[in-house]
Each structure stands twice: as C-alpha cells, then as structure tokens.
N, C-alpha and C. Protein backbone atom coordinates (compact mmCIF):
# COMPACT_ATOMS: atom_id res chain seq x y z
N MET A 1 -10.75 27.26 -103.37
CA MET A 1 -10.34 28.35 -102.50
C MET A 1 -8.83 28.23 -102.24
N GLY A 2 -8.19 29.29 -102.32
CA GLY A 2 -6.76 29.25 -102.07
C GLY A 2 -6.35 29.40 -100.64
N ARG A 3 -5.03 29.37 -100.37
CA ARG A 3 -4.54 29.61 -99.01
C ARG A 3 -4.82 30.97 -98.60
N PRO A 4 -5.02 31.22 -97.25
CA PRO A 4 -5.20 32.58 -96.81
C PRO A 4 -3.91 33.27 -96.94
N SER A 5 -4.00 34.66 -97.22
CA SER A 5 -2.82 35.43 -97.33
C SER A 5 -2.07 35.44 -95.93
N CYS A 6 -0.78 35.44 -95.96
CA CYS A 6 -0.05 35.39 -94.72
C CYS A 6 0.76 36.72 -94.60
N LEU A 7 0.99 37.09 -93.29
CA LEU A 7 1.84 38.22 -92.96
C LEU A 7 3.13 37.68 -92.34
N ARG A 8 4.19 38.29 -92.54
CA ARG A 8 5.42 37.85 -91.98
C ARG A 8 5.67 38.71 -90.66
N ILE A 9 5.67 37.99 -89.52
CA ILE A 9 5.89 38.71 -88.27
C ILE A 9 7.14 38.04 -87.66
N GLY A 10 8.29 38.82 -87.65
CA GLY A 10 9.55 38.26 -87.12
C GLY A 10 9.91 37.15 -88.17
N LYS A 11 10.19 36.00 -87.59
CA LYS A 11 10.52 34.81 -88.42
C LYS A 11 9.29 33.91 -88.57
N ILE A 12 8.22 34.24 -88.00
CA ILE A 12 7.03 33.30 -87.99
C ILE A 12 6.04 33.91 -88.96
N ARG A 13 5.59 33.01 -89.91
CA ARG A 13 4.43 33.40 -90.80
C ARG A 13 3.21 33.00 -90.23
N ARG A 14 2.27 33.96 -90.13
CA ARG A 14 0.92 33.66 -89.60
C ARG A 14 -0.11 34.06 -90.62
N PRO A 15 -1.17 33.30 -90.70
CA PRO A 15 -2.19 33.77 -91.57
C PRO A 15 -2.90 34.94 -91.06
N GLU A 16 -3.36 35.85 -91.95
CA GLU A 16 -3.93 37.14 -91.53
C GLU A 16 -5.12 37.00 -90.56
N TRP A 17 -5.93 35.90 -90.79
CA TRP A 17 -7.14 35.79 -90.00
C TRP A 17 -6.81 35.52 -88.52
N THR A 18 -5.58 34.97 -88.20
CA THR A 18 -5.23 34.80 -86.76
C THR A 18 -4.97 36.07 -86.04
N LEU A 19 -4.70 37.14 -86.82
CA LEU A 19 -4.40 38.38 -86.11
C LEU A 19 -5.66 39.12 -85.76
N ASN A 20 -6.80 38.76 -86.23
CA ASN A 20 -7.99 39.40 -85.95
C ASN A 20 -8.32 39.38 -84.43
N CYS A 21 -7.89 38.25 -83.77
CA CYS A 21 -8.10 38.19 -82.28
C CYS A 21 -7.31 39.22 -81.51
N LEU A 22 -6.24 39.81 -82.15
CA LEU A 22 -5.37 40.74 -81.45
C LEU A 22 -5.91 42.16 -81.66
N ILE A 23 -6.80 42.40 -82.68
CA ILE A 23 -7.29 43.76 -83.00
C ILE A 23 -8.59 43.95 -82.18
N PRO A 24 -8.61 45.10 -81.42
CA PRO A 24 -9.87 45.34 -80.66
C PRO A 24 -11.02 45.30 -81.47
N PHE A 25 -12.22 44.87 -80.88
CA PHE A 25 -13.45 44.55 -81.64
C PHE A 25 -13.93 45.92 -82.30
N ALA A 26 -13.74 47.06 -81.75
CA ALA A 26 -14.24 48.31 -82.30
C ALA A 26 -13.48 48.67 -83.57
N LEU A 27 -12.24 48.28 -83.70
CA LEU A 27 -11.45 48.50 -84.90
C LEU A 27 -11.82 47.49 -86.08
N ARG A 28 -12.34 46.36 -85.70
CA ARG A 28 -12.78 45.35 -86.70
C ARG A 28 -14.07 45.65 -87.25
N ALA A 29 -14.80 46.55 -86.55
CA ALA A 29 -16.17 46.85 -86.95
C ALA A 29 -16.14 47.63 -88.32
N LYS A 30 -17.15 47.47 -89.13
CA LYS A 30 -17.23 48.02 -90.45
C LYS A 30 -17.81 49.47 -90.42
N THR A 31 -18.76 49.65 -89.49
CA THR A 31 -19.45 50.94 -89.54
C THR A 31 -19.55 51.49 -88.09
N ARG A 32 -19.84 52.82 -88.02
CA ARG A 32 -20.06 53.46 -86.72
C ARG A 32 -21.23 52.79 -86.04
N LYS A 33 -22.30 52.51 -86.74
CA LYS A 33 -23.44 51.86 -86.11
C LYS A 33 -23.05 50.55 -85.45
N GLU A 34 -22.20 49.74 -86.05
CA GLU A 34 -21.76 48.50 -85.50
C GLU A 34 -20.85 48.73 -84.27
N ILE A 35 -20.04 49.75 -84.27
CA ILE A 35 -19.24 50.05 -83.13
C ILE A 35 -20.07 50.45 -81.95
N ARG A 36 -21.08 51.33 -82.17
CA ARG A 36 -22.01 51.75 -81.15
C ARG A 36 -22.79 50.56 -80.58
N TYR A 37 -23.25 49.74 -81.43
CA TYR A 37 -24.02 48.48 -81.00
C TYR A 37 -23.08 47.58 -80.14
N ARG A 38 -21.94 47.43 -80.53
CA ARG A 38 -20.96 46.51 -79.74
C ARG A 38 -20.63 47.13 -78.47
N THR A 39 -20.49 48.32 -78.29
CA THR A 39 -20.09 48.96 -77.01
C THR A 39 -21.35 49.11 -76.09
N MET A 40 -22.51 49.43 -76.71
CA MET A 40 -23.71 49.78 -75.90
C MET A 40 -24.38 48.44 -75.40
N SER A 41 -24.09 47.34 -76.04
CA SER A 41 -24.85 46.09 -75.71
C SER A 41 -24.17 45.35 -74.57
N LYS A 42 -23.25 45.95 -73.88
CA LYS A 42 -22.48 45.37 -72.80
C LYS A 42 -22.96 45.93 -71.47
N LYS A 43 -24.19 46.34 -71.36
CA LYS A 43 -24.71 46.94 -70.10
C LYS A 43 -24.70 45.91 -69.05
N SER A 44 -24.19 46.22 -67.87
CA SER A 44 -24.18 45.31 -66.69
C SER A 44 -25.50 45.26 -66.04
N ILE A 45 -25.84 44.09 -65.60
CA ILE A 45 -27.13 43.87 -64.88
C ILE A 45 -26.82 44.22 -63.40
N ARG A 46 -27.66 44.98 -62.82
CA ARG A 46 -27.51 45.45 -61.45
C ARG A 46 -28.51 44.69 -60.55
N SER A 47 -28.39 44.84 -59.28
CA SER A 47 -29.21 44.17 -58.32
C SER A 47 -30.71 44.61 -58.52
N GLN A 48 -30.88 45.91 -58.86
CA GLN A 48 -32.28 46.35 -59.04
C GLN A 48 -32.99 45.66 -60.28
N ASP A 49 -32.17 45.36 -61.28
CA ASP A 49 -32.71 44.72 -62.50
C ASP A 49 -33.28 43.27 -62.05
N LEU A 50 -32.79 42.74 -60.99
CA LEU A 50 -33.18 41.43 -60.58
C LEU A 50 -34.29 41.45 -59.42
N GLY A 51 -34.68 42.63 -59.11
CA GLY A 51 -35.67 42.84 -58.02
C GLY A 51 -35.13 42.68 -56.61
N ILE A 52 -33.85 43.02 -56.49
CA ILE A 52 -33.16 42.84 -55.22
C ILE A 52 -32.95 44.27 -54.61
N ASN A 53 -33.51 44.45 -53.42
CA ASN A 53 -33.31 45.72 -52.78
C ASN A 53 -32.26 45.71 -51.71
N LEU A 54 -31.07 46.01 -52.10
CA LEU A 54 -29.96 45.94 -51.22
C LEU A 54 -29.91 47.03 -50.06
N LYS A 55 -30.58 48.17 -50.39
CA LYS A 55 -30.68 49.19 -49.43
C LYS A 55 -31.37 48.75 -48.09
N SER A 56 -32.21 47.70 -48.18
CA SER A 56 -32.89 47.22 -46.97
C SER A 56 -31.87 46.49 -46.05
N LYS A 57 -30.78 46.07 -46.62
CA LYS A 57 -29.72 45.34 -45.80
C LYS A 57 -30.23 44.05 -45.17
N HIS A 58 -31.29 43.57 -45.70
CA HIS A 58 -31.87 42.26 -45.16
C HIS A 58 -31.06 41.06 -45.67
N GLU A 59 -30.88 40.12 -44.87
CA GLU A 59 -30.07 38.95 -45.22
C GLU A 59 -30.50 38.22 -46.54
N GLU A 60 -31.83 38.18 -46.71
CA GLU A 60 -32.37 37.43 -47.87
C GLU A 60 -31.97 38.22 -49.09
N ASP A 61 -32.04 39.54 -49.16
CA ASP A 61 -31.60 40.30 -50.34
C ASP A 61 -30.13 40.27 -50.56
N LEU A 62 -29.31 40.38 -49.45
CA LEU A 62 -27.91 40.27 -49.57
C LEU A 62 -27.46 38.80 -50.18
N PHE A 63 -28.10 37.77 -49.69
CA PHE A 63 -27.78 36.44 -50.23
C PHE A 63 -28.19 36.31 -51.72
N ARG A 64 -29.43 36.82 -51.96
CA ARG A 64 -29.87 36.69 -53.35
C ARG A 64 -28.88 37.42 -54.30
N TRP A 65 -28.30 38.57 -53.89
CA TRP A 65 -27.32 39.26 -54.76
C TRP A 65 -26.01 38.46 -54.82
N PHE A 66 -25.63 37.86 -53.67
CA PHE A 66 -24.40 37.02 -53.60
C PHE A 66 -24.56 35.79 -54.57
N LEU A 67 -25.79 35.17 -54.56
CA LEU A 67 -26.12 34.05 -55.45
C LEU A 67 -25.94 34.57 -56.89
N ALA A 68 -26.62 35.64 -57.23
CA ALA A 68 -26.62 36.27 -58.63
C ALA A 68 -25.17 36.51 -59.06
N CYS A 69 -24.36 36.95 -58.18
CA CYS A 69 -22.92 37.23 -58.52
C CYS A 69 -22.19 35.99 -58.84
N LEU A 70 -22.53 34.94 -58.06
CA LEU A 70 -21.80 33.71 -58.37
C LEU A 70 -22.22 33.17 -59.69
N LEU A 71 -23.44 33.39 -60.19
CA LEU A 71 -23.86 32.93 -61.51
C LEU A 71 -23.35 33.87 -62.60
N PHE A 72 -23.27 35.16 -62.34
CA PHE A 72 -22.79 36.16 -63.33
C PHE A 72 -21.30 36.11 -63.44
N GLY A 73 -20.62 35.63 -62.45
CA GLY A 73 -19.20 35.55 -62.46
C GLY A 73 -18.54 34.53 -63.46
N LYS A 74 -19.32 33.57 -63.97
CA LYS A 74 -18.91 32.62 -64.97
C LYS A 74 -18.86 33.21 -66.32
N PRO A 75 -18.02 32.78 -67.22
CA PRO A 75 -17.93 33.27 -68.59
C PRO A 75 -19.17 32.79 -69.38
N ILE A 76 -20.30 33.38 -69.17
CA ILE A 76 -21.57 32.94 -69.79
C ILE A 76 -22.36 34.11 -70.14
N GLN A 77 -23.33 34.06 -71.04
CA GLN A 77 -24.09 35.21 -71.42
C GLN A 77 -24.93 35.76 -70.26
N GLN A 78 -25.00 37.05 -70.15
CA GLN A 78 -25.91 37.64 -69.04
C GLN A 78 -27.29 37.21 -69.00
N LYS A 79 -27.80 37.08 -70.13
CA LYS A 79 -29.15 36.64 -70.18
C LYS A 79 -29.49 35.19 -69.74
N VAL A 80 -28.47 34.38 -69.98
CA VAL A 80 -28.55 33.03 -69.42
C VAL A 80 -28.31 33.03 -67.94
N ALA A 81 -27.40 33.70 -67.46
CA ALA A 81 -27.22 33.90 -65.96
C ALA A 81 -28.42 34.52 -65.29
N GLN A 82 -29.04 35.44 -65.95
CA GLN A 82 -30.25 36.05 -65.33
C GLN A 82 -31.41 35.08 -65.33
N HIS A 83 -31.57 34.39 -66.39
CA HIS A 83 -32.68 33.35 -66.52
C HIS A 83 -32.47 32.30 -65.44
N THR A 84 -31.27 31.89 -65.29
CA THR A 84 -30.93 30.87 -64.28
C THR A 84 -31.14 31.36 -62.86
N TYR A 85 -30.82 32.62 -62.60
CA TYR A 85 -31.07 33.24 -61.31
C TYR A 85 -32.56 33.13 -60.95
N PHE A 86 -33.40 33.49 -61.99
CA PHE A 86 -34.89 33.53 -61.73
C PHE A 86 -35.41 32.10 -61.60
N GLU A 87 -34.72 31.08 -62.12
CA GLU A 87 -35.09 29.65 -61.91
C GLU A 87 -34.86 29.33 -60.36
N PHE A 88 -33.68 29.88 -59.92
CA PHE A 88 -33.41 29.63 -58.44
C PHE A 88 -34.48 30.31 -57.58
N VAL A 89 -34.88 31.44 -57.91
CA VAL A 89 -35.93 32.20 -57.21
C VAL A 89 -37.22 31.38 -57.27
N ARG A 90 -37.56 30.93 -58.43
CA ARG A 90 -38.84 30.23 -58.61
C ARG A 90 -38.88 28.94 -57.74
N GLU A 91 -37.67 28.28 -57.60
CA GLU A 91 -37.59 27.09 -56.84
C GLU A 91 -37.50 27.39 -55.34
N GLY A 92 -37.32 28.63 -54.96
CA GLY A 92 -37.15 28.96 -53.54
C GLY A 92 -35.70 28.76 -53.07
N LEU A 93 -34.74 28.60 -53.97
CA LEU A 93 -33.32 28.36 -53.52
C LEU A 93 -32.58 29.70 -53.40
N VAL A 94 -33.05 30.45 -52.36
CA VAL A 94 -32.49 31.71 -52.12
C VAL A 94 -31.83 31.93 -50.79
N THR A 95 -31.52 30.82 -50.12
CA THR A 95 -30.84 30.85 -48.87
C THR A 95 -29.80 29.76 -48.87
N PRO A 96 -28.73 29.98 -48.11
CA PRO A 96 -27.72 28.87 -48.06
C PRO A 96 -28.33 27.54 -47.63
N ASP A 97 -29.16 27.56 -46.65
CA ASP A 97 -29.91 26.27 -46.16
C ASP A 97 -30.64 25.64 -47.32
N ALA A 98 -31.37 26.51 -48.05
CA ALA A 98 -32.21 25.85 -49.17
C ALA A 98 -31.30 25.24 -50.16
N ILE A 99 -30.22 25.89 -50.53
CA ILE A 99 -29.30 25.30 -51.52
C ILE A 99 -28.61 24.00 -51.01
N LEU A 100 -28.21 24.04 -49.70
CA LEU A 100 -27.59 22.89 -49.18
C LEU A 100 -28.65 21.68 -49.07
N LYS A 101 -29.86 21.98 -48.69
CA LYS A 101 -30.91 20.92 -48.60
C LYS A 101 -31.27 20.43 -50.01
N ALA A 102 -31.19 21.21 -50.99
CA ALA A 102 -31.62 20.82 -52.34
C ALA A 102 -30.68 19.75 -52.89
N GLY A 103 -29.37 19.98 -52.59
CA GLY A 103 -28.36 18.98 -53.04
C GLY A 103 -27.90 19.16 -54.50
N TRP A 104 -26.91 18.40 -54.82
CA TRP A 104 -26.30 18.61 -56.17
C TRP A 104 -27.20 18.30 -57.33
N ASP A 105 -27.99 17.22 -57.27
CA ASP A 105 -28.86 16.87 -58.37
C ASP A 105 -29.97 17.85 -58.62
N LYS A 106 -30.56 18.41 -57.66
CA LYS A 106 -31.53 19.44 -57.79
C LYS A 106 -30.89 20.72 -58.38
N LEU A 107 -29.74 21.08 -57.94
CA LEU A 107 -29.05 22.25 -58.38
C LEU A 107 -28.76 22.14 -59.85
N VAL A 108 -28.27 20.95 -60.29
CA VAL A 108 -27.99 20.70 -61.69
C VAL A 108 -29.25 20.87 -62.57
N GLU A 109 -30.37 20.34 -61.99
CA GLU A 109 -31.62 20.42 -62.71
C GLU A 109 -32.05 21.85 -62.89
N VAL A 110 -31.89 22.71 -61.90
CA VAL A 110 -32.26 24.06 -61.94
C VAL A 110 -31.36 24.78 -62.90
N LEU A 111 -30.04 24.51 -62.86
CA LEU A 111 -29.01 25.16 -63.75
C LEU A 111 -29.38 24.73 -65.17
N ASP A 112 -29.74 23.51 -65.37
CA ASP A 112 -30.00 23.11 -66.85
C ASP A 112 -31.32 23.80 -67.32
N ARG A 113 -32.27 24.00 -66.46
CA ARG A 113 -33.56 24.68 -66.76
C ARG A 113 -33.22 26.15 -67.23
N GLY A 114 -32.24 26.69 -66.60
CA GLY A 114 -31.85 28.04 -66.93
C GLY A 114 -30.92 28.16 -68.08
N HIS A 115 -30.58 27.02 -68.73
CA HIS A 115 -29.72 26.91 -69.89
C HIS A 115 -28.25 27.16 -69.56
N TYR A 116 -27.88 26.88 -68.31
CA TYR A 116 -26.60 27.06 -67.79
C TYR A 116 -25.82 25.74 -67.97
N VAL A 117 -25.99 25.07 -69.08
CA VAL A 117 -25.63 23.75 -69.25
C VAL A 117 -24.13 23.45 -69.35
N ARG A 118 -23.32 24.35 -69.86
CA ARG A 118 -21.90 24.11 -70.02
C ARG A 118 -21.25 24.06 -68.60
N TYR A 119 -21.70 24.79 -67.62
CA TYR A 119 -21.14 24.85 -66.41
C TYR A 119 -22.00 24.20 -65.27
N ASP A 120 -23.01 23.45 -65.62
CA ASP A 120 -23.98 22.96 -64.57
C ASP A 120 -23.36 22.15 -63.51
N PHE A 121 -22.51 21.21 -63.81
CA PHE A 121 -21.96 20.34 -62.75
C PHE A 121 -21.05 21.12 -61.88
N SER A 122 -20.08 21.81 -62.48
CA SER A 122 -19.12 22.59 -61.66
C SER A 122 -19.79 23.65 -60.81
N THR A 123 -20.73 24.32 -61.42
CA THR A 123 -21.44 25.42 -60.63
C THR A 123 -22.24 24.88 -59.45
N ALA A 124 -22.97 23.69 -59.70
CA ALA A 124 -23.67 23.04 -58.62
C ALA A 124 -22.75 22.65 -57.43
N ALA A 125 -21.56 22.07 -57.77
CA ALA A 125 -20.59 21.78 -56.76
C ALA A 125 -20.07 23.00 -56.12
N LYS A 126 -19.78 24.07 -56.84
CA LYS A 126 -19.29 25.35 -56.28
C LYS A 126 -20.24 25.99 -55.42
N LEU A 127 -21.59 26.01 -55.78
CA LEU A 127 -22.63 26.56 -54.88
C LEU A 127 -22.67 25.90 -53.66
N LEU A 128 -22.71 24.57 -53.57
CA LEU A 128 -22.83 23.78 -52.35
C LEU A 128 -21.68 24.02 -51.49
N HIS A 129 -20.53 24.09 -52.08
CA HIS A 129 -19.16 24.26 -51.33
C HIS A 129 -19.19 25.68 -50.61
N ILE A 130 -19.53 26.71 -51.48
CA ILE A 130 -19.53 28.12 -51.01
C ILE A 130 -20.55 28.31 -49.95
N CYS A 131 -21.75 27.72 -50.13
CA CYS A 131 -22.83 27.90 -49.06
C CYS A 131 -22.42 27.27 -47.75
N ARG A 132 -21.83 26.13 -47.82
CA ARG A 132 -21.37 25.36 -46.70
C ARG A 132 -20.21 26.21 -45.99
N GLU A 133 -19.31 26.73 -46.76
CA GLU A 133 -18.18 27.48 -46.23
C GLU A 133 -18.69 28.75 -45.59
N LEU A 134 -19.67 29.49 -46.28
CA LEU A 134 -20.26 30.76 -45.81
C LEU A 134 -20.88 30.56 -44.46
N GLU A 135 -21.64 29.50 -44.35
CA GLU A 135 -22.30 29.15 -43.00
C GLU A 135 -21.31 28.82 -41.93
N ASP A 136 -20.27 28.09 -42.28
CA ASP A 136 -19.30 27.63 -41.35
C ASP A 136 -18.45 28.88 -40.85
N ARG A 137 -17.98 29.70 -41.73
CA ARG A 137 -17.14 30.84 -41.41
C ARG A 137 -17.79 32.05 -40.77
N TYR A 138 -18.93 32.43 -41.49
CA TYR A 138 -19.53 33.68 -41.11
C TYR A 138 -20.98 33.61 -40.69
N GLY A 139 -21.64 32.45 -40.93
CA GLY A 139 -23.01 32.37 -40.60
C GLY A 139 -23.97 32.79 -41.69
N SER A 140 -23.62 33.95 -42.33
CA SER A 140 -24.49 34.55 -43.38
C SER A 140 -23.67 35.56 -44.14
N VAL A 141 -24.22 36.10 -45.18
CA VAL A 141 -23.60 37.23 -45.87
C VAL A 141 -23.49 38.42 -45.03
N THR A 142 -24.55 38.62 -44.16
CA THR A 142 -24.48 39.75 -43.26
C THR A 142 -23.29 39.66 -42.28
N GLY A 143 -23.06 38.42 -41.83
CA GLY A 143 -21.86 38.19 -40.99
C GLY A 143 -20.56 38.50 -41.70
N LEU A 144 -20.54 38.03 -42.97
CA LEU A 144 -19.33 38.34 -43.80
C LEU A 144 -19.07 39.83 -43.90
N LEU A 145 -20.15 40.55 -44.19
CA LEU A 145 -19.97 42.00 -44.29
C LEU A 145 -19.64 42.73 -43.06
N GLU A 146 -20.24 42.27 -41.85
CA GLU A 146 -20.03 42.89 -40.61
C GLU A 146 -18.52 42.67 -40.18
N GLN A 147 -18.01 41.45 -40.48
CA GLN A 147 -16.64 41.13 -40.12
C GLN A 147 -15.64 41.82 -41.02
N SER A 148 -15.97 42.45 -42.07
CA SER A 148 -15.15 43.14 -42.93
C SER A 148 -15.16 44.58 -42.56
N GLU A 149 -13.92 45.10 -42.22
CA GLU A 149 -13.80 46.48 -41.82
C GLU A 149 -13.92 47.46 -42.90
N ASN A 150 -13.54 47.06 -44.12
CA ASN A 150 -13.56 48.03 -45.29
C ASN A 150 -13.65 47.22 -46.59
N ARG A 151 -13.63 47.80 -47.72
CA ARG A 151 -13.80 47.11 -49.02
C ARG A 151 -12.63 46.22 -49.21
N LYS A 152 -11.41 46.55 -48.82
CA LYS A 152 -10.25 45.78 -49.04
C LYS A 152 -10.34 44.38 -48.26
N SER A 153 -10.79 44.59 -47.07
CA SER A 153 -10.97 43.43 -46.16
C SER A 153 -12.09 42.52 -46.77
N LEU A 154 -13.13 43.08 -47.33
CA LEU A 154 -14.18 42.26 -47.92
C LEU A 154 -13.65 41.64 -49.12
N ILE A 155 -12.92 42.22 -49.94
CA ILE A 155 -12.33 41.60 -51.19
C ILE A 155 -11.50 40.39 -50.78
N ARG A 156 -10.66 40.55 -49.79
CA ARG A 156 -9.73 39.57 -49.35
C ARG A 156 -10.64 38.35 -48.78
N ARG A 157 -11.64 38.57 -48.07
CA ARG A 157 -12.50 37.58 -47.49
C ARG A 157 -13.27 36.82 -48.60
N LEU A 158 -13.77 37.58 -49.59
CA LEU A 158 -14.46 36.96 -50.66
C LEU A 158 -13.60 35.99 -51.39
N GLN A 159 -12.42 36.46 -51.73
CA GLN A 159 -11.56 35.71 -52.61
C GLN A 159 -10.89 34.53 -51.84
N GLN A 160 -11.06 34.44 -50.53
CA GLN A 160 -10.72 33.25 -49.83
C GLN A 160 -11.56 32.08 -50.09
N PHE A 161 -12.82 32.33 -50.52
CA PHE A 161 -13.69 31.32 -50.90
C PHE A 161 -13.23 30.55 -52.10
N ASP A 162 -13.16 29.22 -52.13
CA ASP A 162 -12.72 28.54 -53.27
C ASP A 162 -13.78 28.68 -54.35
N GLY A 163 -13.46 29.24 -55.47
CA GLY A 163 -14.36 29.43 -56.56
C GLY A 163 -14.88 30.83 -56.72
N ILE A 164 -14.45 31.76 -55.90
CA ILE A 164 -14.77 33.21 -56.04
C ILE A 164 -13.56 33.90 -56.44
N GLY A 165 -13.59 34.51 -57.52
CA GLY A 165 -12.37 35.26 -58.10
C GLY A 165 -12.62 36.76 -58.21
N PRO A 166 -11.78 37.43 -58.94
CA PRO A 166 -11.83 38.91 -59.08
C PRO A 166 -13.16 39.39 -59.76
N VAL A 167 -13.66 38.57 -60.75
CA VAL A 167 -14.84 39.02 -61.53
C VAL A 167 -16.05 38.99 -60.57
N THR A 168 -16.36 37.85 -59.91
CA THR A 168 -17.46 37.72 -58.97
C THR A 168 -17.35 38.75 -57.89
N THR A 169 -16.11 38.93 -57.33
CA THR A 169 -15.92 39.97 -56.31
C THR A 169 -16.30 41.39 -56.80
N ARG A 170 -15.83 41.75 -58.06
CA ARG A 170 -16.10 43.02 -58.51
C ARG A 170 -17.67 43.22 -58.78
N ILE A 171 -18.32 42.27 -59.25
CA ILE A 171 -19.74 42.29 -59.45
C ILE A 171 -20.49 42.56 -58.08
N PHE A 172 -20.02 41.75 -57.07
CA PHE A 172 -20.67 41.80 -55.74
C PHE A 172 -20.48 43.22 -55.18
N LEU A 173 -19.28 43.63 -55.23
CA LEU A 173 -18.91 45.03 -54.63
C LEU A 173 -19.51 46.20 -55.29
N ARG A 174 -19.77 45.97 -56.68
CA ARG A 174 -20.27 47.15 -57.40
C ARG A 174 -21.59 47.58 -56.83
N ASP A 175 -22.50 46.70 -56.33
CA ASP A 175 -23.74 47.14 -55.78
C ASP A 175 -23.71 47.21 -54.29
N VAL A 176 -23.01 46.27 -53.57
CA VAL A 176 -22.97 46.17 -52.17
C VAL A 176 -22.09 47.34 -51.52
N GLY A 177 -21.00 47.54 -52.16
CA GLY A 177 -19.96 48.42 -51.62
C GLY A 177 -20.50 49.84 -51.24
N PRO A 178 -21.19 50.53 -52.17
CA PRO A 178 -21.77 51.89 -51.87
C PRO A 178 -22.78 51.86 -50.74
N ILE A 179 -23.45 50.76 -50.56
CA ILE A 179 -24.54 50.72 -49.52
C ILE A 179 -23.86 50.36 -48.20
N TRP A 180 -22.99 49.39 -48.15
CA TRP A 180 -22.51 48.90 -46.92
C TRP A 180 -21.36 49.78 -46.32
N PHE A 181 -20.46 50.20 -47.20
CA PHE A 181 -19.27 51.02 -46.80
C PHE A 181 -19.55 52.51 -47.23
N GLN A 182 -20.39 53.18 -46.49
CA GLN A 182 -20.72 54.58 -46.83
C GLN A 182 -19.70 55.53 -46.27
C-alpha cells in the first residue's frame, strides 16, 4: 500500500483522510438514504420516553429527570445512558438521599451494570457531589426551580453546580422549561 494522497493547504501538507473530520457528515455520505439515516437517528430522548411525568410537578419526577439529564449530559450513547438510568430506577436510587446513602462503590456498580464504564468513577463522584450540593443549597429540585425567577436564572443556578454544563442544562430545560415557566 502506498502513501495516502496529500493536499497542499498553505505551506502545510496534510493527508486527504485528515480533512474528512472537517467535512460535515451529510456531505461525506454516499447516498440520500445514508444522509436520511444519519440525520433521523439523532432523536432526543424526552422525559416521557423514560416514564417521567413532569406535568405533575412532583419532586420525585423532577429529580428523576434531573438524574437522567446528568447521565445524558456525558458524551455517551443515548441507549447506554437510558439503560443506566433504568438501572438507577431498578435500584431505587431516584432521590438525592438514596444516592448519598448508596455511596460511591454502589453508584459505580450501578453505572457499570448500565455499561456506563468509561465514565463510571467520575460520574459516581459527580452524582454524590451534585446531590449533596443540591440538598445544601436548595433542599430539592423543586426548591431550585422555585428560587429561579425565570429560565435565565435557572440556567445560571444549574451551571453553578460543579459538573453541570451547557449540554446538561439544555437537556433539563428542554422538558422542564415549558412546564415550569409558562
């Protein structure tokens, strides 16, 4: 096999295959069917898909969605995050108290069962820290929402948590925002 063909960009010679990462995936697709598959397969999972009724505004449902968003906020496949969320539900780890009482070892075990293996240690530590911080600052997710005057205030409060960034915030607000801030 010979060397890959190279393109000259400015004064730097780069192999052609390194430029593929710069071309949007739809343009790299060979057929219309592949383009349609690539764009349609990115459906976001909503709270209803997980059996969470946010319209009830019950603390348990709000925290379950908060927990799901923490899992979906990592760069991991949606199906893995969904499976891991259901492992938490099966173990009864759906309240901040239950997560804090379970401890790091139990959380790692549950995350591993959900195939969340690459991020299991860091996610277990993050969940413990965020649950402790949530209880100390606001008491509950309902308390967090009640202290937020509007969406902007909620975004600011969520991102003050160590480990919650724009992706997790956007996922959380996508379903909670229309219900809480009508």
